[in-house]
Protein backbone atom coordinates (compact mmCIF):
# COMPACT_ATOMS: atom_id res chain seq x y z
CA MET A 1 112.25 144.06 104.26
CA PRO A 2 111.52 140.92 106.30
CA PRO A 3 108.71 138.50 105.43
CA ASN A 4 105.20 139.61 106.38
CA SER A 5 104.47 136.15 107.78
CA GLY A 6 106.60 133.11 108.45
CA LYS A 7 110.33 133.18 108.95
CA VAL A 8 111.42 132.94 105.30
CA GLN A 9 109.89 133.66 101.91
CA LEU A 10 111.24 131.94 98.79
CA PHE A 11 110.60 133.55 95.40
CA ALA A 12 110.72 131.71 92.06
CA GLU A 13 112.22 134.70 90.26
CA ARG A 14 115.00 137.17 91.02
CA ASP A 15 114.16 140.48 92.72
CA TYR A 16 111.35 138.98 94.84
CA ARG A 17 109.11 138.19 91.87
CA GLY A 18 107.15 135.15 90.80
CA ALA A 19 105.53 132.49 92.93
CA VAL A 20 106.27 132.83 96.65
CA THR A 21 106.49 130.13 99.33
CA THR A 22 106.42 131.08 103.02
CA LEU A 23 108.20 128.80 105.50
CA GLU A 24 108.48 128.42 109.26
CA GLN A 25 111.40 126.83 111.08
CA GLY A 26 112.18 123.36 109.69
CA ILE A 27 113.54 121.44 106.70
CA TYR A 28 111.86 121.56 103.30
CA GLN A 29 112.33 120.40 99.72
CA PRO A 30 110.90 123.24 97.62
CA GLY A 31 111.44 121.54 94.25
CA ALA A 32 113.46 122.39 91.20
CA ASP A 33 113.43 125.96 89.87
CA ALA A 34 111.58 127.23 92.96
CA VAL A 35 114.16 129.59 94.50
CA SER A 36 115.86 132.55 92.86
CA SER A 37 115.51 135.19 95.61
CA LEU A 38 114.53 135.13 99.27
CA LYS A 39 113.61 137.14 102.36
CA VAL A 40 114.70 136.19 105.87
CA ALA A 41 113.13 137.49 109.09
CA PRO A 42 115.54 139.08 111.60
CA GLY A 43 117.15 136.52 113.90
CA TYR A 44 116.68 133.61 111.46
CA ALA A 45 118.89 131.87 108.94
CA LEU A 46 118.16 129.97 105.76
CA THR A 47 120.60 127.32 104.60
CA VAL A 48 120.12 126.14 101.01
CA TYR A 49 121.45 122.89 99.54
CA SER A 50 121.97 121.70 95.96
CA SER A 51 120.65 118.20 96.75
CA ASN A 52 117.69 116.69 98.58
CA ASN A 53 117.89 115.90 102.31
CA CYS A 54 120.22 118.86 103.07
CA LEU A 55 123.14 117.44 101.09
CA GLY A 56 125.46 118.86 98.47
CA ALA A 57 126.79 122.39 98.07
CA SER A 58 125.32 124.80 100.62
CA ALA A 59 125.09 128.46 101.52
CA THR A 60 123.53 130.26 104.48
CA PHE A 61 121.55 133.50 104.17
CA THR A 62 120.60 135.74 107.10
CA THR A 63 119.36 138.77 105.16
CA ASP A 64 117.05 139.46 102.24
CA THR A 65 118.73 138.41 99.00
CA PRO A 66 117.34 139.60 95.63
CA ASP A 67 119.48 137.06 93.69
CA VAL A 68 120.88 133.82 95.14
CA GLY A 69 123.62 133.95 92.50
CA ASP A 70 124.56 131.70 89.64
CA THR A 71 125.77 128.91 91.94
CA PHE A 72 122.29 128.38 93.43
CA HIS A 73 119.92 129.94 90.88
CA ASP A 74 117.34 127.25 90.04
CA VAL A 75 119.38 124.43 91.62
CA ILE A 76 118.23 124.55 95.27
CA ARG A 77 116.70 121.20 96.19
CA SER A 78 116.38 121.44 99.98
CA VAL A 79 116.41 124.21 102.59
CA GLU A 80 116.60 124.55 106.37
CA VAL A 81 115.08 127.48 108.25
CA SER A 82 116.65 127.94 111.69
CA ALA A 83 117.09 130.42 114.49
CA PRO A 84 120.81 130.82 115.23
CA GLU A 85 121.71 129.54 118.66
CA SER A 86 122.50 132.05 121.36
CA THR A 87 126.19 132.34 122.22
CA SER A 88 125.59 133.44 125.80
CA ALA A 89 124.34 131.40 128.72
CA PRO A 90 120.96 132.68 129.93
CA GLY A 91 121.07 134.24 133.36
CA TRP A 92 124.86 134.49 133.43
CA PHE A 93 125.64 137.23 135.93
CA ASP A 94 122.24 138.85 135.48
CA GLU A 95 121.98 142.17 137.28
CA GLY A 96 125.67 142.07 138.19
CA ALA A 97 125.37 139.19 140.67
CA PRO A 98 126.92 135.76 140.11
CA PRO A 99 124.61 132.68 140.02
CA ASP A 100 123.91 130.89 143.33
CA TRP A 101 126.29 128.05 142.52
CA PHE A 102 129.24 130.41 141.88
CA GLU A 103 132.03 129.90 144.44
CA LYS A 104 132.92 132.99 146.46
């Protein structure tokens, strides 16, 4: 179930329990022992890091995760909330017609 508000919710305990922090897109340093489970809104990604300033070991989550696993349990020091970039060019052959600049 995606967050009710914000793009990501971080929970202090596993299984979406304990103190919760809601984040929008950006980079944050939630503090030690602050993340054990998380919820991610559709279309967004959360990358977690073991050190401040988005350094160290990392993992990216795109779905709700009731347990971040032993590698990241209580060791996440910084996080980045992002919207994955689109892989298609906007307007490319919309409605079956090539763009005006396309050579015929």
